[in-house]
Amino acid sequence: MTAIAQCWKVTRTDATVFAFTDHDVDLTVGGVLYESAIGFVPSAIERGTTLAADNQELSGLIDSDSITAADLRTGKWDGARVEIIEVDWTTETKLRTVVKGFLGQVEIADNQYSATLTSLEAELAKPVGRTVALRCDADLGDTRCGYSLSADTGSVTTVVSRLSFQDSALTAADGHYNGGKVTFTSGGNNGLTADIKRYVAATDTVELFEPLPYDLQIGDTFNVYQGCDKTMETCRDTFSNLDNFRGFPHLPGVKDMVGGSVS
């Protein structure tokens, strides 16, 4: 009879720690209480001898009070650090570490979540340092940008979809919020920040890059922030912030290398 159970500890980016096991009762291993979560379904893990990243698919029913659909939909579990171990459930002792990694974007459908667990080797493939590019690599209003960014407040007057809405009280010029952000301060999406794709002043419409996790309602309030296309001209002419521009506008391109125009 096998006495091996799998346990996994999840540390979210907000430092909240959760622990679960596929055993039929809770287990305490190394002082950590692992809650029984029978609905968890991991795929097989293949570990190689190279530094190539190993991935695993995780899915499970939302049958734990610790995992809520609201937290999953609003991204609180995205990027969480995960450690999966095998234990002897008869003695509640750790046998080995199976994998350590990070959760990718968590998706939810039909009361079941799914996510990809990427092993720590994937961190070795990430670029180190800055990328040299024509456009600025700072975010408008952050410490590297240095621009004092303030929010405009508003409320939803017309719901188009989870991707767009209207606020008839907005008075900004066309495109003012393009590339900006909106943070909802009430309603089902309260506390969620979304990236703005475009703002059309003629119809007072705010369009988002990705759909919101919950339906909007008329009267939902929000803070909306101006956007930036991260070009040197916008930094200079719109924000008068050229001293803090973080791009490389004079970087030679193909045209410069060939000494003329490229057809």
C-alpha atoms as a PDB file:
ATOM      1  CA  MET A   1       0.000   0.000   0.000  1.00  0.00           C
ATOM      2  CA  THR A   2       1.380   3.390  -0.955  1.00  0.00           C
ATOM      3  CA  ALA A   3       1.679   5.991   1.788  1.00  0.00           C
ATOM      4  CA  ILE A   4       2.731   8.954  -0.345  1.00  0.00           C
ATOM      5  CA  ALA A   5       0.731  12.158  -0.520  1.00  0.00           C
ATOM      6  CA  GLN A   6       1.505  15.362  -2.343  1.00  0.00           C
ATOM      7  CA  CYS A   7       1.461  18.710  -0.536  1.00  0.00           C
ATOM      8  CA  TRP A   8       1.843  22.182  -1.895  1.00  0.00           C
ATOM      9  CA  LYS A   9       2.461  25.495  -0.154  1.00  0.00           C
ATOM     10  CA  VAL A  10       1.461  28.705  -1.912  1.00  0.00           C
ATOM     11  CA  THR A  11       2.818  32.120  -0.948  1.00  0.00           C
ATOM     12  CA  ARG A  12       0.909  34.857  -2.741  1.00  0.00           C
ATOM     13  CA  THR A  13       2.508  38.136  -3.767  1.00  0.00           C
ATOM     14  CA  ASP A  14       0.710  39.808  -0.840  1.00  0.00           C
ATOM     15  CA  ALA A  15       2.696  37.446   1.477  1.00  0.00           C
ATOM     16  CA  THR A  16      -0.405  35.420   2.427  1.00  0.00           C
ATOM     17  CA  VAL A  17       0.470  31.715   2.773  1.00  0.00           C
ATOM     18  CA  PHE A  18      -1.833  28.767   1.992  1.00  0.00           C
ATOM     19  CA  ALA A  19      -1.074  25.031   2.197  1.00  0.00           C
ATOM     20  CA  PHE A  20      -2.984  22.112   0.689  1.00  0.00           C
ATOM     21  CA  THR A  21      -2.649  18.352   0.191  1.00  0.00           C
ATOM     22  CA  ASP A  22      -4.235  15.779  -2.100  1.00  0.00           C
ATOM     23  CA  HIS A  23      -4.625  13.430   0.877  1.00  0.00           C
ATOM     24  CA  ASP A  24      -8.153  12.818   2.170  1.00  0.00           C
ATOM     25  CA  VAL A  25      -7.418  14.391   5.574  1.00  0.00           C
ATOM     26  CA  ASP A  26      -5.382  17.395   6.684  1.00  0.00           C
ATOM     27  CA  LEU A  27      -1.672  16.812   7.292  1.00  0.00           C
ATOM     28  CA  THR A  28       0.857  18.703   9.416  1.00  0.00           C
ATOM     29  CA  VAL A  29       4.356  18.503   7.958  1.00  0.00           C
ATOM     30  CA  GLY A  30       7.279  20.484   9.292  1.00  0.00           C
ATOM     31  CA  GLY A  31       4.958  22.591  11.391  1.00  0.00           C
ATOM     32  CA  VAL A  32       2.798  23.562   8.387  1.00  0.00           C
ATOM     33  CA  LEU A  33      -0.875  22.519   8.293  1.00  0.00           C
ATOM     34  CA  TYR A  34      -1.799  21.296   4.810  1.00  0.00           C
ATOM     35  CA  GLU A  35      -5.551  21.418   4.182  1.00  0.00           C
ATOM     36  CA  SER A  36      -7.117  18.474   2.362  1.00  0.00           C
ATOM     37  CA  ALA A  37      -8.142  19.565  -1.143  1.00  0.00           C
ATOM     38  CA  ILE A  38      -9.343  16.528  -3.067  1.00  0.00           C
ATOM     39  CA  GLY A  39     -10.360  18.606  -6.094  1.00  0.00           C
ATOM     40  CA  PHE A  40      -6.757  19.460  -6.918  1.00  0.00           C
ATOM     41  CA  VAL A  41      -5.604  17.793 -10.149  1.00  0.00           C
ATOM     42  CA  PRO A  42      -1.912  18.165 -11.087  1.00  0.00           C
ATOM     43  CA  SER A  43      -0.465  17.027 -14.368  1.00  0.00           C
ATOM     44  CA  ALA A  44       2.645  14.885 -14.456  1.00  0.00           C
ATOM     45  CA  ILE A  45       5.912  16.703 -13.772  1.00  0.00           C
ATOM     46  CA  GLU A  46       8.848  15.956 -16.042  1.00  0.00           C
ATOM     47  CA  ARG A  47      12.211  16.960 -14.624  1.00  0.00           C
ATOM     48  CA  GLY A  48      15.175  17.087 -16.939  1.00  0.00           C
ATOM     49  CA  THR A  49      18.916  17.280 -16.358  1.00  0.00           C
ATOM     50  CA  THR A  50      19.271  20.574 -18.234  1.00  0.00           C
ATOM     51  CA  LEU A  51      18.363  24.083 -17.099  1.00  0.00           C
ATOM     52  CA  ALA A  52      15.290  24.138 -19.335  1.00  0.00           C
ATOM     53  CA  ALA A  53      12.168  25.296 -17.508  1.00  0.00           C
ATOM     54  CA  ASP A  54       9.734  22.599 -16.405  1.00  0.00           C
ATOM     55  CA  ASN A  55       6.015  23.367 -16.412  1.00  0.00           C
ATOM     56  CA  GLN A  56       3.015  21.718 -14.788  1.00  0.00           C
ATOM     57  CA  GLU A  57      -0.693  22.290 -15.190  1.00  0.00           C
ATOM     58  CA  LEU A  58      -2.670  22.696 -11.975  1.00  0.00           C
ATOM     59  CA  SER A  59      -6.432  22.628 -11.700  1.00  0.00           C
ATOM     60  CA  GLY A  60      -8.975  22.082  -8.987  1.00  0.00           C
ATOM     61  CA  LEU A  61     -12.469  22.694  -7.752  1.00  0.00           C
ATOM     62  CA  ILE A  62     -13.015  25.754  -5.593  1.00  0.00           C
ATOM     63  CA  ASP A  63     -14.069  23.744  -2.563  1.00  0.00           C
ATOM     64  CA  SER A  64     -11.858  25.442   0.017  1.00  0.00           C
ATOM     65  CA  ASP A  65     -12.823  28.510   2.021  1.00  0.00           C
ATOM     66  CA  SER A  66      -9.246  29.705   1.447  1.00  0.00           C
ATOM     67  CA  ILE A  67      -9.719  29.941  -2.335  1.00  0.00           C
ATOM     68  CA  THR A  68     -12.433  32.323  -3.464  1.00  0.00           C
ATOM     69  CA  ALA A  69     -13.560  33.017  -6.991  1.00  0.00           C
ATOM     70  CA  ALA A  70     -13.245  36.749  -6.301  1.00  0.00           C
ATOM     71  CA  ASP A  71      -9.552  36.465  -5.381  1.00  0.00           C
ATOM     72  CA  LEU A  72      -8.874  34.299  -8.433  1.00  0.00           C
ATOM     73  CA  ARG A  73     -10.667  36.660 -10.813  1.00  0.00           C
ATOM     74  CA  THR A  74      -8.931  39.748  -9.467  1.00  0.00           C
ATOM     75  CA  GLY A  75      -5.458  38.237  -9.866  1.00  0.00           C
ATOM     76  CA  LYS A  76      -4.483  37.793  -6.219  1.00  0.00           C
ATOM     77  CA  TRP A  77      -3.105  34.300  -6.964  1.00  0.00           C
ATOM     78  CA  ASP A  78      -1.213  35.273 -10.135  1.00  0.00           C
ATOM     79  CA  GLY A  79       2.558  35.028  -9.666  1.00  0.00           C
ATOM     80  CA  ALA A  80       2.308  33.186  -6.339  1.00  0.00           C
ATOM     81  CA  ARG A  81       5.360  31.193  -5.250  1.00  0.00           C
ATOM     82  CA  VAL A  82       4.675  27.449  -4.999  1.00  0.00           C
ATOM     83  CA  GLU A  83       6.545  24.575  -3.381  1.00  0.00           C
ATOM     84  CA  ILE A  84       5.282  21.023  -3.988  1.00  0.00           C
ATOM     85  CA  ILE A  85       6.562  18.190  -1.795  1.00  0.00           C
ATOM     86  CA  GLU A  86       5.883  14.489  -1.346  1.00  0.00           C
ATOM     87  CA  VAL A  87       5.264  13.230   2.176  1.00  0.00           C
ATOM     88  CA  ASP A  88       4.652   9.971   3.996  1.00  0.00           C
ATOM     89  CA  TRP A  89       1.147  10.557   5.295  1.00  0.00           C
ATOM     90  CA  THR A  90       1.442   7.789   7.898  1.00  0.00           C
ATOM     91  CA  THR A  91       4.232   9.653   9.699  1.00  0.00           C
ATOM     92  CA  GLU A  92       3.612  13.156   8.282  1.00  0.00           C
ATOM     93  CA  THR A  93       7.249  13.479   7.228  1.00  0.00           C
ATOM     94  CA  LYS A  94       8.651  15.082   4.084  1.00  0.00           C
ATOM     95  CA  LEU A  95      10.203  12.690   1.580  1.00  0.00           C
ATOM     96  CA  ARG A  96      11.376  15.088  -1.148  1.00  0.00           C
ATOM     97  CA  THR A  97      10.771  18.377  -2.876  1.00  0.00           C
ATOM     98  CA  VAL A  98       9.068  17.793  -6.225  1.00  0.00           C
ATOM     99  CA  VAL A  99       9.269  21.274  -7.686  1.00  0.00           C
ATOM    100  CA  LYS A 100       9.429  24.945  -6.757  1.00  0.00           C
ATOM    101  CA  GLY A 101       8.064  27.622  -9.027  1.00  0.00           C
ATOM    102  CA  PHE A 102       5.534  30.342  -9.703  1.00  0.00           C
ATOM    103  CA  LEU A 103       1.912  30.347 -10.796  1.00  0.00           C
ATOM    104  CA  GLY A 104       1.086  31.931 -14.103  1.00  0.00           C
ATOM    105  CA  GLN A 105      -2.239  33.627 -14.743  1.00  0.00           C
ATOM    106  CA  VAL A 106      -5.028  31.767 -12.968  1.00  0.00           C
ATOM    107  CA  GLU A 107      -8.189  31.171 -14.982  1.00  0.00           C
ATOM    108  CA  ILE A 108     -11.593  30.156 -13.653  1.00  0.00           C
ATOM    109  CA  ALA A 109     -14.542  28.537 -15.419  1.00  0.00           C
ATOM    110  CA  ASP A 110     -17.471  26.429 -14.199  1.00  0.00           C
ATOM    111  CA  ASN A 111     -16.327  26.703 -10.563  1.00  0.00           C
ATOM    112  CA  GLN A 112     -12.941  25.218 -11.430  1.00  0.00           C
ATOM    113  CA  TYR A 113      -9.595  27.013 -11.616  1.00  0.00           C
ATOM    114  CA  SER A 114      -6.543  26.226 -13.732  1.00  0.00           C
ATOM    115  CA  ALA A 115      -3.036  27.639 -13.849  1.00  0.00           C
ATOM    116  CA  THR A 116       0.416  26.821 -15.129  1.00  0.00           C
ATOM    117  CA  LEU A 117       3.178  26.277 -12.590  1.00  0.00           C
ATOM    118  CA  THR A 118       6.529  27.370 -14.008  1.00  0.00           C
ATOM    119  CA  SER A 119       9.663  26.082 -12.293  1.00  0.00           C
ATOM    120  CA  LEU A 120      12.395  28.334 -10.916  1.00  0.00           C
ATOM    121  CA  GLU A 121      14.617  27.649 -13.927  1.00  0.00           C
ATOM    122  CA  ALA A 122      12.341  29.963 -15.917  1.00  0.00           C
ATOM    123  CA  GLU A 123      13.757  32.856 -13.893  1.00  0.00           C
ATOM    124  CA  LEU A 124      17.113  32.246 -15.607  1.00  0.00           C
ATOM    125  CA  ALA A 125      15.529  33.070 -18.972  1.00  0.00           C
ATOM    126  CA  LYS A 126      14.357  36.518 -17.884  1.00  0.00           C
ATOM    127  CA  PRO A 127      16.318  39.526 -19.161  1.00  0.00           C
ATOM    128  CA  VAL A 128      18.628  41.169 -16.641  1.00  0.00           C
ATOM    129  CA  GLY A 129      18.987  44.931 -16.646  1.00  0.00           C
ATOM    130  CA  ARG A 130      17.344  47.466 -18.911  1.00  0.00           C
ATOM    131  CA  THR A 131      16.366  46.977 -22.528  1.00  0.00           C
ATOM    132  CA  VAL A 132      17.697  49.679 -24.841  1.00  0.00           C
ATOM    133  CA  ALA A 133      14.718  51.046 -26.770  1.00  0.00           C
ATOM    134  CA  LEU A 134      13.521  54.280 -28.353  1.00  0.00           C
ATOM    135  CA  ARG A 135      10.565  54.682 -26.007  1.00  0.00           C
ATOM    136  CA  CYS A 136      10.640  55.327 -22.274  1.00  0.00           C
ATOM    137  CA  ASP A 137      10.569  52.226 -20.058  1.00  0.00           C
ATOM    138  CA  ALA A 138       9.219  53.999 -16.955  1.00  0.00           C
ATOM    139  CA  ASP A 139       5.550  54.089 -16.008  1.00  0.00           C
ATOM    140  CA  LEU A 140       3.908  57.487 -15.931  1.00  0.00           C
ATOM    141  CA  GLY A 141       3.947  58.756 -12.350  1.00  0.00           C
ATOM    142  CA  ASP A 142       6.347  56.170 -10.895  1.00  0.00           C
ATOM    143  CA  THR A 143       9.565  57.071  -9.077  1.00  0.00           C
ATOM    144  CA  ARG A 144      11.704  56.778 -12.219  1.00  0.00           C
ATOM    145  CA  CYS A 145       9.343  58.970 -14.200  1.00  0.00           C
ATOM    146  CA  GLY A 146       9.015  61.551 -11.437  1.00  0.00           C
ATOM    147  CA  TYR A 147       5.889  63.160 -12.863  1.00  0.00           C
ATOM    148  CA  SER A 148       3.252  64.081 -10.267  1.00  0.00           C
ATOM    149  CA  LEU A 149       0.252  62.140 -11.537  1.00  0.00           C
ATOM    150  CA  SER A 150      -3.208  62.820 -10.137  1.00  0.00           C
ATOM    151  CA  ALA A 151      -6.460  60.956 -10.702  1.00  0.00           C
ATOM    152  CA  ASP A 152      -9.746  62.118 -12.158  1.00  0.00           C
ATOM    153  CA  THR A 153     -12.780  60.645 -10.427  1.00  0.00           C
ATOM    154  CA  GLY A 154     -15.852  59.361 -12.186  1.00  0.00           C
ATOM    155  CA  SER A 155     -18.750  56.931 -12.175  1.00  0.00           C
ATOM    156  CA  VAL A 156     -20.198  54.623 -14.793  1.00  0.00           C
ATOM    157  CA  THR A 157     -23.211  56.129 -16.552  1.00  0.00           C
ATOM    158  CA  THR A 158     -23.525  53.558 -19.356  1.00  0.00           C
ATOM    159  CA  VAL A 159     -22.345  49.940 -19.380  1.00  0.00           C
ATOM    160  CA  VAL A 160     -21.239  48.728 -22.801  1.00  0.00           C
ATOM    161  CA  SER A 161     -19.550  45.482 -21.746  1.00  0.00           C
ATOM    162  CA  ARG A 162     -16.851  44.249 -19.398  1.00  0.00           C
ATOM    163  CA  LEU A 163     -14.397  45.800 -21.873  1.00  0.00           C
ATOM    164  CA  SER A 164     -15.837  49.301 -22.066  1.00  0.00           C
ATOM    165  CA  PHE A 165     -18.068  51.792 -20.311  1.00  0.00           C
ATOM    166  CA  GLN A 166     -19.074  55.441 -20.495  1.00  0.00           C
ATOM    167  CA  ASP A 167     -19.027  58.329 -18.056  1.00  0.00           C
ATOM    168  CA  SER A 168     -20.878  61.367 -19.383  1.00  0.00           C
ATOM    169  CA  ALA A 169     -19.169  63.620 -16.808  1.00  0.00           C
ATOM    170  CA  LEU A 170     -15.637  63.108 -18.160  1.00  0.00           C
ATOM    171  CA  THR A 171     -14.333  66.249 -19.858  1.00  0.00           C
ATOM    172  CA  ALA A 172     -10.826  65.220 -20.955  1.00  0.00           C
ATOM    173  CA  ALA A 173      -9.674  65.556 -24.554  1.00  0.00           C
ATOM    174  CA  ASP A 174      -9.848  62.643 -26.963  1.00  0.00           C
ATOM    175  CA  GLY A 175      -7.123  60.088 -26.212  1.00  0.00           C
ATOM    176  CA  HIS A 176      -6.236  61.696 -22.873  1.00  0.00           C
ATOM    177  CA  TYR A 177      -6.471  58.377 -21.008  1.00  0.00           C
ATOM    178  CA  ASN A 178      -4.975  56.194 -23.753  1.00  0.00           C
ATOM    179  CA  GLY A 179      -2.419  53.912 -22.095  1.00  0.00           C
ATOM    180  CA  GLY A 180      -3.528  55.010 -18.643  1.00  0.00           C
ATOM    181  CA  LYS A 181      -5.171  53.104 -15.837  1.00  0.00           C
ATOM    182  CA  VAL A 182      -8.529  52.976 -14.094  1.00  0.00           C
ATOM    183  CA  THR A 183      -9.021  51.804 -10.507  1.00  0.00           C
ATOM    184  CA  PHE A 184     -12.538  50.957  -9.406  1.00  0.00           C
ATOM    185  CA  THR A 185     -13.567  52.220  -5.977  1.00  0.00           C
ATOM    186  CA  SER A 186     -16.956  50.520  -5.689  1.00  0.00           C
ATOM    187  CA  GLY A 187     -18.999  47.740  -7.249  1.00  0.00           C
ATOM    188  CA  GLY A 188     -18.046  44.178  -8.087  1.00  0.00           C
ATOM    189  CA  ASN A 189     -14.610  45.241  -9.369  1.00  0.00           C
ATOM    190  CA  ASN A 190     -13.822  47.350  -6.293  1.00  0.00           C
ATOM    191  CA  GLY A 191     -10.044  47.643  -5.806  1.00  0.00           C
ATOM    192  CA  LEU A 192      -9.193  46.287  -9.261  1.00  0.00           C
ATOM    193  CA  THR A 193      -6.898  48.294 -11.557  1.00  0.00           C
ATOM    194  CA  ALA A 194      -7.182  47.852 -15.332  1.00  0.00           C
ATOM    195  CA  ASP A 195      -5.169  49.197 -18.275  1.00  0.00           C
ATOM    196  CA  ILE A 196      -6.951  51.558 -20.660  1.00  0.00           C
ATOM    197  CA  LYS A 197      -6.681  50.896 -24.392  1.00  0.00           C
ATOM    198  CA  ARG A 198      -8.344  54.107 -25.597  1.00  0.00           C
ATOM    199  CA  TYR A 199     -10.564  56.953 -24.541  1.00  0.00           C
ATOM    200  CA  VAL A 200     -13.051  58.407 -27.033  1.00  0.00           C
ATOM    201  CA  ALA A 201     -14.148  61.870 -25.913  1.00  0.00           C
ATOM    202  CA  ALA A 202     -17.036  62.130 -28.410  1.00  0.00           C
ATOM    203  CA  THR A 203     -18.876  59.292 -26.648  1.00  0.00           C
ATOM    204  CA  ASP A 204     -17.186  59.520 -23.204  1.00  0.00           C
ATOM    205  CA  THR A 205     -16.138  55.896 -23.697  1.00  0.00           C
ATOM    206  CA  VAL A 206     -13.314  54.171 -21.820  1.00  0.00           C
ATOM    207  CA  GLU A 207     -12.142  50.960 -23.521  1.00  0.00           C
ATOM    208  CA  LEU A 208      -9.941  48.455 -21.680  1.00  0.00           C
ATOM    209  CA  PHE A 209      -7.315  46.048 -22.984  1.00  0.00           C
ATOM    210  CA  GLU A 210      -8.803  43.066 -21.118  1.00  0.00           C
ATOM    211  CA  PRO A 211     -12.335  42.369 -19.857  1.00  0.00           C
ATOM    212  CA  LEU A 212     -13.073  42.938 -16.189  1.00  0.00           C
ATOM    213  CA  PRO A 213     -13.756  39.880 -14.004  1.00  0.00           C
ATOM    214  CA  TYR A 214     -17.172  41.164 -12.924  1.00  0.00           C
ATOM    215  CA  ASP A 215     -20.014  42.953 -14.671  1.00  0.00           C
ATOM    216  CA  LEU A 216     -20.089  46.720 -14.334  1.00  0.00           C
ATOM    217  CA  GLN A 217     -23.124  48.475 -12.931  1.00  0.00           C
ATOM    218  CA  ILE A 218     -24.345  52.026 -13.466  1.00  0.00           C
ATOM    219  CA  GLY A 219     -23.038  54.094 -10.568  1.00  0.00           C
ATOM    220  CA  ASP A 220     -19.789  52.128 -10.061  1.00  0.00           C
ATOM    221  CA  THR A 221     -17.153  54.706  -9.114  1.00  0.00           C
ATOM    222  CA  PHE A 222     -13.545  54.846 -10.232  1.00  0.00           C
ATOM    223  CA  ASN A 223     -10.309  56.822 -10.366  1.00  0.00           C
ATOM    224  CA  VAL A 224      -8.885  57.255 -13.861  1.00  0.00           C
ATOM    225  CA  TYR A 225      -5.318  58.252 -14.713  1.00  0.00           C
ATOM    226  CA  GLN A 226      -3.881  59.948 -17.775  1.00  0.00           C
ATOM    227  CA  GLY A 227      -1.811  57.794 -20.125  1.00  0.00           C
ATOM    228  CA  CYS A 228       1.449  58.277 -21.972  1.00  0.00           C
ATOM    229  CA  ASP A 229       2.689  56.840 -25.273  1.00  0.00           C
ATOM    230  CA  LYS A 230       6.254  56.982 -23.876  1.00  0.00           C
ATOM    231  CA  THR A 231       7.757  58.940 -26.764  1.00  0.00           C
ATOM    232  CA  MET A 232      10.265  61.715 -26.236  1.00  0.00           C
ATOM    233  CA  GLU A 233       7.933  64.240 -27.886  1.00  0.00           C
ATOM    234  CA  THR A 234       5.078  63.462 -25.481  1.00  0.00           C
ATOM    235  CA  CYS A 235       7.401  63.561 -22.484  1.00  0.00           C
ATOM    236  CA  ARG A 236       8.650  66.979 -23.556  1.00  0.00           C
ATOM    237  CA  ASP A 237       5.531  68.648 -24.941  1.00  0.00           C
ATOM    238  CA  THR A 238       2.764  67.175 -22.788  1.00  0.00           C
ATOM    239  CA  PHE A 239       4.447  66.583 -19.445  1.00  0.00           C
ATOM    240  CA  SER A 240       7.503  68.913 -19.571  1.00  0.00           C
ATOM    241  CA  ASN A 241       9.447  66.027 -18.060  1.00  0.00           C
ATOM    242  CA  LEU A 242      12.232  65.466 -20.579  1.00  0.00           C
ATOM    243  CA  ASP A 243      14.946  65.373 -17.894  1.00  0.00           C
ATOM    244  CA  ASN A 244      13.411  62.131 -16.619  1.00  0.00           C
ATOM    245  CA  PHE A 245      12.859  60.496 -20.019  1.00  0.00           C
ATOM    246  CA  ARG A 246      14.016  56.875 -19.754  1.00  0.00           C
ATOM    247  CA  GLY A 247      14.248  55.976 -23.428  1.00  0.00           C
ATOM    248  CA  PHE A 248      17.000  56.235 -26.018  1.00  0.00           C
ATOM    249  CA  PRO A 249      15.508  58.495 -28.708  1.00  0.00           C
ATOM    250  CA  HIS A 250      18.747  58.844 -30.648  1.00  0.00           C
ATOM    251  CA  LEU A 251      19.374  55.121 -30.960  1.00  0.00           C
ATOM    252  CA  PRO A 252      20.451  54.382 -34.561  1.00  0.00           C
ATOM    253  CA  GLY A 253      17.946  52.372 -36.563  1.00  0.00           C
ATOM    254  CA  VAL A 254      18.112  50.367 -39.783  1.00  0.00           C
ATOM    255  CA  LYS A 255      17.798  53.553 -41.824  1.00  0.00           C
ATOM    256  CA  ASP A 256      20.903  54.991 -40.174  1.00  0.00           C
ATOM    257  CA  MET A 257      22.919  51.817 -40.667  1.00  0.00           C
ATOM    258  CA  VAL A 258      22.264  51.615 -44.403  1.00  0.00           C
ATOM    259  CA  GLY A 259      22.713  55.328 -44.899  1.00  0.00           C
ATOM    260  CA  GLY A 260      19.356  56.038 -46.440  1.00  0.00           C
ATOM    261  CA  SER A 261      15.709  55.135 -46.577  1.00  0.00           C
ATOM    262  CA  VAL A 262      14.562  51.532 -46.590  1.00  0.00           C
ATOM    263  CA  SER A 263      11.913  50.649 -49.137  1.00  0.00           C
END
